[in-house]
Amino acid sequence: MDDLARLSITEASKKLASGEITSLDLVRACKKNIDARNAELNAYLEVFDDIEEQAKEADARRARGESHPLLGIPLAIKDNILIQGRRVSAASKMLENYTASYDATVIKKLKEAGAVFMGRTNLDEFAMGGSTENSAFGPTHNPHDEARVAGGSSGGSASAVAAGMALGALGTDTGGSIREPASFCGIVGLKPTYGAVSRHGLIAMGSSLDQAGPMVRTLEDAQLLFDTIRGRDPFDSTSINLRPTTYDLQPKRIGVPRHLLQKGIDEDVLRSFNASLDTLKAHGAEIVDIELPSAPLALAVYYIIMPAESSTNLARFDGVRYGLSLSGDSLVDDYAKTRAAGFGPEVRRRIMLGTYVLSAGYYDAYYGKATAARAKLREEYDDVLKSVDVIATPTVPSPAFKIGEKSDPLSMYLADIFTVTANLTGHPALSVPITPVMREGKDLPVGIQFTAAHGGEDMLFAAGKMVE
């Protein structure tokens, strides 16, 4: 029965359609793995108590003649995405007991499709981190080596899919938070074009950077989930309708910015990446060297813009309107006590940095320059993507590191070197597993990242399938 939990979504959907299995079978198989491993992995913060009832309702809908590839499919949901009537904490003490009053648009679409929500998954607090060690409820562990991180901030979703606790999951990506944990856990992760998926009902971190996306086992599953949740939303003014997706493309030219690969990457990760390029060439793609002169600035630009937007977004958590509320001697003291107790160290660090770069004396020196550099970076990527179909890099410079290994925040931030650019420019990006690397006798997953032009998700899937 637990083998059912290892099926891809598309495989399971075919078996459901043929009557070979039921949604209840799938849910019970995933729940068995949750019972066996979640205590150690800490992927789920909460497993919903009505999962079997949801599955039975999906089976009843199918019996009434409804059909959708996601009908009855067990999915895990990152705990910063609102599901009406469910707790949503963003892995923070600030929102520990907060109950969502409405559905996020992505949740509404998945409910219409008939997906079964298994529970809410762990993350770095308010999505601020790259390892899920910043959760107020403890770190998530990597199913391939429990001494290592699952990545972040969507580490709980990645761990749940990799461990067979769900057939797929939703994550959010602000600077690589879908792609990095996908790489660390050996699954597929898509950061869509900015605006392609509504942000309505996502707890905001960086409003010009955030995107929800699928975390799954195969490219077909990523296409399926993306097509279900995409589209213009009247509740999100930044959302857009992309052109219809074509899935019979063949990338002809793949650009590689080799000047970015000269240092800072583990040698075996680079070998695995180069072997993947050989695979792409064997499928008929031309590998060409490209130059992205402003790309080395991306990390610095990101760590100015992201904290600035985070500081602004988290100002609403003041102990007055909702969430944690502690009383002091004055209103200002109420704010101070609530925010000091409700926010963890990494969140406080980013709020302070963001407030600093937005202050009157430093706005032009930092935030203004970062915004100009961001525009230049997007222009360079747009120009390069006129001459190549996709850009390829490693997803992360290393495999998953050990829990507690990167106590220095700067060393943690460097793991985002290849992922932050797609969020700054708004381009879609995809991480696909490639040949694993060995650490201490264990095979650890790594990934290749493809970046395409705006609205070019179909080209990403085509490139990914050549590797997959």
Protein backbone atom coordinates (compact mmCIF):
# COMPACT_ATOMS: atom_id res chain seq x y z
CA MET A 1 0.00 0.00 0.00
CA ASP A 2 2.80 2.47 0.83
CA ASP A 3 4.07 2.07 -2.77
CA LEU A 4 1.04 4.13 -3.79
CA ALA A 5 2.54 7.10 -1.95
CA ARG A 6 5.55 6.93 -4.31
CA LEU A 7 3.45 7.31 -7.45
CA SER A 8 3.69 10.48 -9.49
CA ILE A 9 0.52 12.55 -9.63
CA THR A 10 -0.04 11.64 -13.28
CA GLU A 11 0.41 7.92 -12.57
CA ALA A 12 -1.96 8.06 -9.62
CA SER A 13 -4.49 10.07 -11.63
CA LYS A 14 -4.62 7.38 -14.32
CA LYS A 15 -5.16 4.66 -11.71
CA LEU A 16 -7.92 6.71 -10.09
CA ALA A 17 -9.61 7.26 -13.45
CA SER A 18 -9.51 3.53 -14.25
CA GLY A 19 -10.90 2.58 -10.83
CA GLU A 20 -7.78 0.60 -9.97
CA ILE A 21 -7.32 2.61 -6.76
CA THR A 22 -9.26 5.17 -4.75
CA SER A 23 -8.31 8.48 -3.23
CA LEU A 24 -8.78 6.87 0.17
CA ASP A 25 -6.09 4.33 -0.75
CA LEU A 26 -3.69 7.13 -1.65
CA VAL A 27 -4.39 9.12 1.51
CA ARG A 28 -3.90 6.10 3.74
CA ALA A 29 -0.60 5.26 2.01
CA CYS A 30 0.69 8.80 2.58
CA LYS A 31 -0.58 8.81 6.18
CA LYS A 32 1.33 5.59 6.84
CA ASN A 33 4.56 7.32 5.81
CA ILE A 34 3.66 10.36 7.88
CA ASP A 35 3.16 8.17 10.96
CA ALA A 36 6.46 6.43 10.30
CA ARG A 37 8.70 9.45 9.61
CA ASN A 38 7.20 12.82 10.46
CA ALA A 39 8.32 12.72 14.10
CA GLU A 40 11.92 12.67 12.86
CA LEU A 41 11.59 14.78 9.72
CA ASN A 42 9.23 17.46 11.08
CA ALA A 43 7.91 18.08 7.58
CA TYR A 44 4.31 18.65 8.70
CA LEU A 45 3.39 21.10 11.43
CA GLU A 46 -0.15 19.73 11.34
CA VAL A 47 -1.78 16.78 9.61
CA PHE A 48 -5.45 17.57 9.09
CA ASP A 49 -7.91 15.40 10.97
CA ASP A 50 -10.36 15.12 8.06
CA ILE A 51 -8.07 13.74 5.34
CA GLU A 52 -10.08 10.53 4.99
CA GLU A 53 -13.32 12.50 4.76
CA GLN A 54 -11.77 14.67 2.04
CA ALA A 55 -10.69 11.52 0.17
CA LYS A 56 -14.14 9.95 0.45
CA GLU A 57 -15.72 13.12 -0.93
CA ALA A 58 -13.25 13.09 -3.86
CA ASP A 59 -14.14 9.45 -4.57
CA ALA A 60 -17.83 10.36 -4.45
CA ARG A 61 -17.28 13.23 -6.90
CA ARG A 62 -15.52 10.86 -9.28
CA ALA A 63 -18.38 8.35 -8.91
CA ARG A 64 -20.79 11.13 -9.91
CA GLY A 65 -18.89 11.54 -13.17
CA GLU A 66 -16.49 14.38 -12.34
CA SER A 67 -12.98 14.14 -13.72
CA HIS A 68 -9.88 16.22 -13.12
CA PRO A 69 -6.29 14.98 -12.98
CA LEU A 70 -6.01 16.31 -9.40
CA LEU A 71 -9.32 14.92 -8.16
CA GLY A 72 -8.46 12.87 -5.06
CA ILE A 73 -4.69 13.58 -5.17
CA PRO A 74 -3.07 14.12 -1.72
CA LEU A 75 -1.14 17.41 -1.57
CA ALA A 76 0.84 19.15 1.17
CA ILE A 77 0.46 22.92 1.62
CA LYS A 78 3.17 25.25 2.89
CA ASP A 79 2.08 26.93 6.10
CA ASN A 80 2.05 30.46 4.71
CA ILE A 81 -0.82 29.76 2.29
CA LEU A 82 -4.30 30.41 3.66
CA ILE A 83 -6.91 27.64 3.82
CA GLN A 84 -10.21 28.90 5.21
CA GLY A 85 -10.93 27.59 8.70
CA ARG A 86 -7.42 26.15 9.13
CA ARG A 87 -4.59 27.47 11.23
CA VAL A 88 -1.83 29.22 9.30
CA SER A 89 1.21 30.21 11.32
CA ALA A 90 3.99 30.97 8.81
CA ALA A 91 6.03 28.90 11.32
CA SER A 92 6.02 31.87 13.69
CA LYS A 93 4.96 32.36 17.29
CA MET A 94 3.40 35.58 16.06
CA LEU A 95 0.66 33.64 14.24
CA GLU A 96 0.78 30.34 16.14
CA ASN A 97 -2.97 30.25 16.78
CA TYR A 98 -4.22 32.30 13.83
CA THR A 99 -7.05 30.78 11.75
CA ALA A 100 -7.42 31.77 8.10
CA SER A 101 -10.69 33.53 7.29
CA TYR A 102 -10.59 32.87 3.53
CA ASP A 103 -8.96 30.67 0.91
CA ALA A 104 -5.91 31.74 -1.06
CA THR A 105 -6.70 31.78 -4.77
CA VAL A 106 -4.39 28.81 -5.37
CA ILE A 107 -6.28 26.87 -2.67
CA LYS A 108 -9.63 27.80 -4.18
CA LYS A 109 -8.47 26.43 -7.54
CA LEU A 110 -7.17 23.22 -6.00
CA LYS A 111 -10.42 22.72 -4.09
CA GLU A 112 -12.37 23.10 -7.33
CA ALA A 113 -10.08 20.48 -8.89
CA GLY A 114 -10.77 18.14 -5.95
CA ALA A 115 -7.30 17.85 -4.40
CA VAL A 116 -7.00 16.45 -0.87
CA PHE A 117 -5.08 18.65 1.56
CA MET A 118 -3.00 16.46 3.86
CA GLY A 119 -1.78 19.22 6.14
CA ARG A 120 0.39 22.29 6.52
CA THR A 121 4.15 21.98 6.12
CA ASN A 122 7.04 23.57 7.98
CA LEU A 123 9.04 26.53 6.69
CA ASP A 124 11.52 29.16 7.77
CA GLU A 125 9.59 31.72 9.82
CA PHE A 126 7.68 34.01 7.46
CA ALA A 127 9.66 32.27 4.66
CA MET A 128 12.87 33.98 5.77
CA GLY A 129 15.67 31.47 5.33
CA GLY A 130 17.21 28.81 3.16
CA SER A 131 17.20 25.77 5.42
CA THR A 132 13.94 25.63 7.46
CA GLU A 133 16.11 25.95 10.56
CA ASN A 134 14.47 29.31 11.32
CA SER A 135 11.06 27.78 12.05
CA ALA A 136 9.69 28.55 15.50
CA PHE A 137 8.68 24.88 15.67
CA GLY A 138 12.04 23.25 14.93
CA PRO A 139 13.94 22.43 11.74
CA THR A 140 12.81 20.08 9.01
CA HIS A 141 15.20 17.22 8.23
CA ASN A 142 16.21 15.86 4.84
CA PRO A 143 14.75 12.40 4.06
CA HIS A 144 17.99 11.40 2.30
CA ASP A 145 20.08 12.15 5.42
CA GLU A 146 18.27 13.23 8.55
CA ALA A 147 21.37 15.03 9.84
CA ARG A 148 21.01 17.49 6.96
CA VAL A 149 18.64 20.33 6.14
CA ALA A 150 15.79 19.95 3.68
CA GLY A 151 16.43 23.44 2.32
CA GLY A 152 14.22 26.46 2.67
CA SER A 153 12.09 28.16 3.03
CA SER A 154 9.77 25.49 1.58
CA GLY A 155 11.69 22.68 3.28
CA GLY A 156 8.64 21.03 4.82
CA SER A 157 6.92 20.70 1.45
CA ALA A 158 10.08 19.30 -0.19
CA SER A 159 10.67 16.81 2.61
CA ALA A 160 7.03 15.66 2.55
CA VAL A 161 7.12 14.92 -1.19
CA ALA A 162 10.55 13.25 -1.07
CA ALA A 163 9.48 11.04 1.86
CA GLY A 164 6.21 9.89 0.27
CA MET A 165 4.04 11.88 2.70
CA ALA A 166 2.20 13.52 -0.22
CA LEU A 167 2.20 13.11 -3.98
CA GLY A 168 2.92 16.80 -4.48
CA ALA A 169 3.00 20.08 -2.62
CA LEU A 170 2.72 23.83 -2.92
CA GLY A 171 5.62 26.01 -1.89
CA THR A 172 6.43 29.69 -2.23
CA ASP A 173 9.58 31.16 -3.74
CA THR A 174 10.98 34.60 -2.90
CA GLY A 175 14.66 34.01 -3.66
CA GLY A 176 14.86 30.29 -4.40
CA SER A 177 12.61 28.89 -1.68
CA ILE A 178 11.03 26.32 -4.00
CA ARG A 179 14.08 25.50 -6.11
CA GLU A 180 16.70 25.18 -3.37
CA PRO A 181 14.79 22.63 -1.24
CA ALA A 182 13.77 20.82 -4.44
CA SER A 183 17.47 20.47 -5.27
CA PHE A 184 18.37 19.34 -1.74
CA CYS A 185 15.55 16.75 -1.62
CA GLY A 186 15.77 15.43 -5.18
CA ILE A 187 12.43 16.63 -6.55
CA VAL A 188 11.20 19.05 -9.22
CA GLY A 189 10.46 22.65 -8.23
CA LEU A 190 9.03 25.48 -10.37
CA LYS A 191 9.15 29.22 -9.67
CA PRO A 192 6.65 30.59 -12.21
CA THR A 193 6.83 33.88 -14.09
CA TYR A 194 6.04 36.73 -11.70
CA GLY A 195 2.29 37.24 -11.77
CA ALA A 196 1.49 33.95 -13.50
CA VAL A 197 0.10 32.60 -10.21
CA SER A 198 -1.97 34.78 -7.89
CA ARG A 199 -0.41 35.85 -4.59
CA HIS A 200 -3.84 36.48 -3.02
CA GLY A 201 -3.92 34.58 0.27
CA LEU A 202 -0.17 34.11 0.58
CA ILE A 203 1.37 35.63 3.72
CA ALA A 204 3.56 38.25 2.10
CA MET A 205 7.31 38.45 2.49
CA GLY A 206 8.59 40.36 -0.57
CA SER A 207 5.62 41.44 -2.67
CA SER A 208 7.60 42.04 -5.87
CA LEU A 209 9.44 38.72 -5.46
CA ASP A 210 7.01 36.12 -4.04
CA GLN A 211 5.48 33.38 -6.19
CA ALA A 212 3.67 30.15 -5.32
CA GLY A 213 4.57 27.07 -7.32
CA PRO A 214 4.58 23.27 -7.49
CA MET A 215 6.99 20.89 -5.75
CA VAL A 216 6.58 17.43 -7.26
CA ARG A 217 8.36 14.31 -8.51
CA THR A 218 8.15 14.72 -12.30
CA LEU A 219 7.98 17.41 -14.97
CA GLU A 220 4.52 16.18 -15.99
CA ASP A 221 3.30 16.73 -12.45
CA ALA A 222 4.79 20.24 -12.42
CA GLN A 223 2.95 21.07 -15.65
CA LEU A 224 -0.30 19.75 -14.25
CA LEU A 225 -0.15 21.69 -10.99
CA PHE A 226 1.03 24.86 -12.72
CA ASP A 227 -1.80 24.73 -15.26
CA THR A 228 -4.29 24.30 -12.42
CA ILE A 229 -3.18 27.25 -10.28
CA ARG A 230 -2.11 29.77 -12.94
CA GLY A 231 -4.14 32.68 -14.29
CA ARG A 232 -5.32 36.23 -13.77
CA ASP A 233 -7.00 36.95 -10.44
CA PRO A 234 -9.11 40.06 -9.71
CA PHE A 235 -7.87 39.90 -6.10
CA ASP A 236 -4.22 40.32 -7.20
CA SER A 237 -3.50 43.34 -9.41
CA THR A 238 -0.04 41.99 -10.28
CA SER A 239 -1.42 38.71 -11.68
CA ILE A 240 -1.44 38.10 -15.43
CA ASN A 241 -2.80 35.73 -18.04
CA LEU A 242 0.04 34.09 -19.94
CA ARG A 243 -0.30 32.78 -23.47
CA PRO A 244 -1.57 29.19 -23.73
CA THR A 245 1.16 26.70 -22.90
CA THR A 246 2.68 24.58 -25.65
CA TYR A 247 4.23 21.31 -24.54
CA ASP A 248 5.88 20.05 -27.72
CA LEU A 249 8.84 22.43 -27.79
CA GLN A 250 12.50 21.49 -28.18
CA PRO A 251 15.17 23.84 -26.80
CA LYS A 252 17.80 24.44 -29.49
CA ARG A 253 20.23 26.77 -27.72
CA ILE A 254 21.05 26.61 -24.01
CA GLY A 255 23.12 29.41 -22.52
CA VAL A 256 25.64 28.78 -19.75
CA PRO A 257 27.18 31.74 -17.86
CA ARG A 258 30.51 30.05 -17.23
CA HIS A 259 31.97 33.23 -15.74
CA LEU A 260 29.66 32.62 -12.75
CA LEU A 261 30.88 29.04 -12.30
CA GLN A 262 34.55 29.74 -11.66
CA LYS A 263 34.48 29.56 -7.87
CA GLY A 264 32.27 28.76 -4.91
CA ILE A 265 30.79 25.55 -6.38
CA ASP A 266 31.61 22.08 -5.03
CA GLU A 267 33.67 20.19 -7.61
CA ASP A 268 31.37 17.15 -7.72
CA VAL A 269 28.31 19.40 -8.13
CA LEU A 270 30.01 21.07 -11.09
CA ARG A 271 30.85 17.65 -12.58
CA SER A 272 27.23 16.57 -12.26
CA PHE A 273 26.10 19.83 -13.87
CA ASN A 274 28.53 19.38 -16.79
CA ALA A 275 27.35 15.79 -17.26
CA SER A 276 23.80 17.16 -17.57
CA LEU A 277 24.97 19.57 -20.23
CA ASP A 278 26.37 16.56 -22.12
CA THR A 279 22.94 14.94 -21.87
CA LEU A 280 21.34 18.06 -23.32
CA LYS A 281 23.84 18.04 -26.20
CA ALA A 282 23.07 14.37 -26.83
CA HIS A 283 19.42 15.39 -27.25
CA GLY A 284 20.38 17.89 -29.92
CA ALA A 285 20.75 21.12 -27.95
CA GLU A 286 23.60 23.53 -28.63
CA ILE A 287 25.41 24.70 -25.49
CA VAL A 288 26.66 28.28 -25.81
CA ASP A 289 28.62 30.48 -23.43
CA ILE A 290 26.85 33.67 -22.41
CA GLU A 291 27.79 36.77 -20.44
CA LEU A 292 25.65 38.33 -17.71
CA PRO A 293 27.84 41.19 -16.45
CA SER A 294 25.51 42.33 -13.67
CA ALA A 295 24.73 38.84 -12.35
CA PRO A 296 27.47 38.94 -9.66
CA LEU A 297 25.55 41.85 -8.09
CA ALA A 298 22.30 39.88 -7.80
CA LEU A 299 22.84 38.58 -4.28
CA ALA A 300 23.68 42.03 -2.90
CA VAL A 301 20.71 43.56 -4.71
CA TYR A 302 18.38 40.87 -3.41
CA TYR A 303 19.51 41.29 0.20
CA ILE A 304 18.60 44.98 0.01
CA ILE A 305 15.26 44.75 -1.78
CA MET A 306 13.95 41.65 0.03
CA PRO A 307 14.52 42.96 3.60
CA ALA A 308 13.04 46.33 2.60
CA GLU A 309 9.83 44.69 1.37
CA SER A 310 9.78 42.28 4.31
CA SER A 311 10.11 45.12 6.81
CA THR A 312 7.15 46.85 5.20
CA ASN A 313 4.99 43.72 5.00
CA LEU A 314 5.65 42.63 8.58
CA ALA A 315 4.76 46.04 10.02
CA ARG A 316 1.15 44.81 10.18
CA PHE A 317 2.04 42.34 12.96
CA ASP A 318 1.82 44.81 15.81
CA GLY A 319 -0.17 42.93 18.46
CA VAL A 320 -3.26 45.05 17.85
CA ARG A 321 -5.11 43.65 14.86
CA TYR A 322 -4.42 39.91 14.94
CA GLY A 323 -1.92 37.34 16.09
CA LEU A 324 0.13 37.45 19.27
CA SER A 325 -0.65 40.36 21.61
CA LEU A 326 1.32 41.22 24.75
CA SER A 327 0.52 44.14 27.05
CA GLY A 328 3.08 46.71 28.15
CA ASP A 329 3.03 50.05 29.93
CA SER A 330 2.07 51.95 26.79
CA LEU A 331 0.98 51.36 23.21
CA VAL A 332 4.58 51.55 22.02
CA ASP A 333 5.56 49.08 24.74
CA ASP A 334 2.77 46.76 23.53
CA TYR A 335 4.31 46.84 20.05
CA ALA A 336 7.82 46.23 21.35
CA LYS A 337 6.89 43.34 23.63
CA THR A 338 4.73 41.63 21.01
CA ARG A 339 7.25 41.87 18.20
CA ALA A 340 10.20 40.88 20.39
CA ALA A 341 8.40 37.74 21.60
CA GLY A 342 6.63 36.92 18.33
CA PHE A 343 9.51 37.20 15.85
CA GLY A 344 12.58 34.97 15.78
CA PRO A 345 16.20 36.15 15.28
CA GLU A 346 16.29 35.89 11.48
CA VAL A 347 13.02 37.78 11.06
CA ARG A 348 14.22 40.52 13.42
CA ARG A 349 17.52 40.70 11.52
CA ARG A 350 15.77 41.24 8.19
CA ILE A 351 13.28 43.74 9.58
CA MET A 352 16.13 45.82 11.02
CA LEU A 353 18.12 45.66 7.78
CA GLY A 354 15.07 46.53 5.70
CA THR A 355 14.11 49.46 7.92
CA TYR A 356 17.68 50.74 7.70
CA VAL A 357 17.89 50.70 3.89
CA LEU A 358 14.51 52.45 3.65
CA SER A 359 15.37 55.17 6.15
CA ALA A 360 15.57 58.77 4.97
CA GLY A 361 19.35 58.97 5.24
CA TYR A 362 20.10 55.75 3.35
CA TYR A 363 17.25 55.21 0.88
CA ASP A 364 19.10 56.64 -2.13
CA ALA A 365 22.43 55.07 -1.18
CA TYR A 366 21.02 51.55 -0.87
CA TYR A 367 17.44 50.92 -1.96
CA GLY A 368 17.52 53.35 -4.88
CA LYS A 369 20.74 51.89 -6.27
CA ALA A 370 19.51 48.33 -5.77
CA THR A 371 16.35 49.13 -7.72
CA ALA A 372 18.42 50.54 -10.60
CA ALA A 373 20.70 47.49 -10.58
CA ARG A 374 17.64 45.23 -10.61
CA ALA A 375 16.35 46.94 -13.75
CA LYS A 376 19.75 46.53 -15.41
CA LEU A 377 19.84 42.84 -14.45
CA ARG A 378 16.43 42.22 -15.98
CA GLU A 379 17.48 44.01 -19.17
CA GLU A 380 20.57 41.78 -19.48
CA TYR A 381 18.56 38.59 -18.98
CA ASP A 382 15.92 39.72 -21.48
CA ASP A 383 18.64 40.41 -24.06
CA VAL A 384 20.38 37.06 -23.54
CA LEU A 385 17.08 35.15 -23.70
CA LYS A 386 16.51 36.54 -27.20
CA SER A 387 19.48 34.48 -28.41
CA VAL A 388 19.08 31.33 -26.27
CA ASP A 389 16.00 29.33 -25.28
CA VAL A 390 16.99 28.81 -21.65
CA ILE A 391 19.87 29.64 -19.29
CA ALA A 392 21.36 26.74 -17.31
CA THR A 393 23.22 26.84 -13.98
CA PRO A 394 23.47 24.56 -10.98
CA THR A 395 20.48 25.22 -8.70
CA VAL A 396 22.64 25.44 -5.56
CA PRO A 397 26.46 25.34 -5.30
CA SER A 398 26.40 22.31 -2.95
CA PRO A 399 24.20 19.46 -1.75
CA ALA A 400 22.27 19.82 1.50
CA PHE A 401 24.46 20.90 4.40
CA LYS A 402 24.21 19.62 7.95
CA ILE A 403 21.77 21.13 10.42
CA GLY A 404 23.61 23.78 12.40
CA GLU A 405 26.53 23.88 9.97
CA LYS A 406 25.90 27.41 8.67
CA SER A 407 25.57 29.44 11.85
CA ASP A 408 26.91 32.52 10.04
CA PRO A 409 23.98 34.18 8.21
CA LEU A 410 26.23 35.37 5.37
CA SER A 411 27.35 31.82 4.55
CA MET A 412 23.68 30.81 4.45
CA TYR A 413 22.81 33.67 2.10
CA LEU A 414 25.53 32.59 -0.37
CA ALA A 415 23.56 29.40 -1.10
CA ASP A 416 21.08 31.65 -2.96
CA ILE A 417 23.66 32.82 -5.50
CA PHE A 418 22.01 31.16 -8.53
CA THR A 419 18.36 31.37 -7.48
CA VAL A 420 17.72 34.99 -6.45
CA THR A 421 18.08 36.41 -9.97
CA ALA A 422 14.85 34.88 -11.31
CA ASN A 423 12.91 36.55 -8.50
CA LEU A 424 14.56 39.92 -9.13
CA THR A 425 13.87 39.76 -12.87
CA GLY A 426 10.50 37.97 -12.71
CA HIS A 427 11.60 35.20 -15.09
CA PRO A 428 10.38 31.63 -14.55
CA ALA A 429 12.93 29.12 -13.26
CA LEU A 430 12.90 25.36 -12.73
CA SER A 431 15.04 22.95 -10.71
CA VAL A 432 15.35 19.37 -11.95
CA PRO A 433 17.30 16.57 -10.18
CA ILE A 434 20.56 15.45 -11.75
CA THR A 435 23.20 12.87 -10.79
CA PRO A 436 23.57 12.89 -6.98
CA VAL A 437 26.87 13.45 -5.19
CA MET A 438 28.37 11.44 -2.35
CA ARG A 439 28.85 12.76 1.18
CA GLU A 440 29.88 10.50 4.07
CA GLY A 441 28.75 7.40 2.24
CA LYS A 442 25.33 8.77 1.27
CA ASP A 443 24.04 9.86 -2.13
CA LEU A 444 22.74 13.43 -1.82
CA PRO A 445 20.55 15.06 -4.49
CA VAL A 446 21.60 18.11 -6.48
CA GLY A 447 19.78 19.97 -9.25
CA ILE A 448 20.17 21.85 -12.50
CA GLN A 449 18.31 25.14 -12.85
CA PHE A 450 16.81 26.43 -16.10
CA THR A 451 15.65 30.02 -16.54
CA ALA A 452 13.47 31.09 -19.48
CA ALA A 453 11.94 34.28 -20.89
CA HIS A 454 8.80 35.68 -19.28
CA GLY A 455 5.93 33.27 -19.88
CA GLY A 456 8.37 30.59 -21.00
CA GLU A 457 7.37 27.83 -18.61
CA ASP A 458 6.74 25.49 -21.54
CA MET A 459 10.37 25.89 -22.62
CA LEU A 460 11.49 25.12 -19.07
CA PHE A 461 9.48 21.90 -19.05
CA ALA A 462 10.92 20.93 -22.43
CA ALA A 463 14.49 21.48 -21.22
CA GLY A 464 13.77 19.66 -17.97
CA LYS A 465 12.41 16.62 -19.77
CA MET A 466 15.63 16.34 -21.76
CA VAL A 467 17.45 15.90 -18.44
CA GLU A 468 14.73 13.89 -16.69
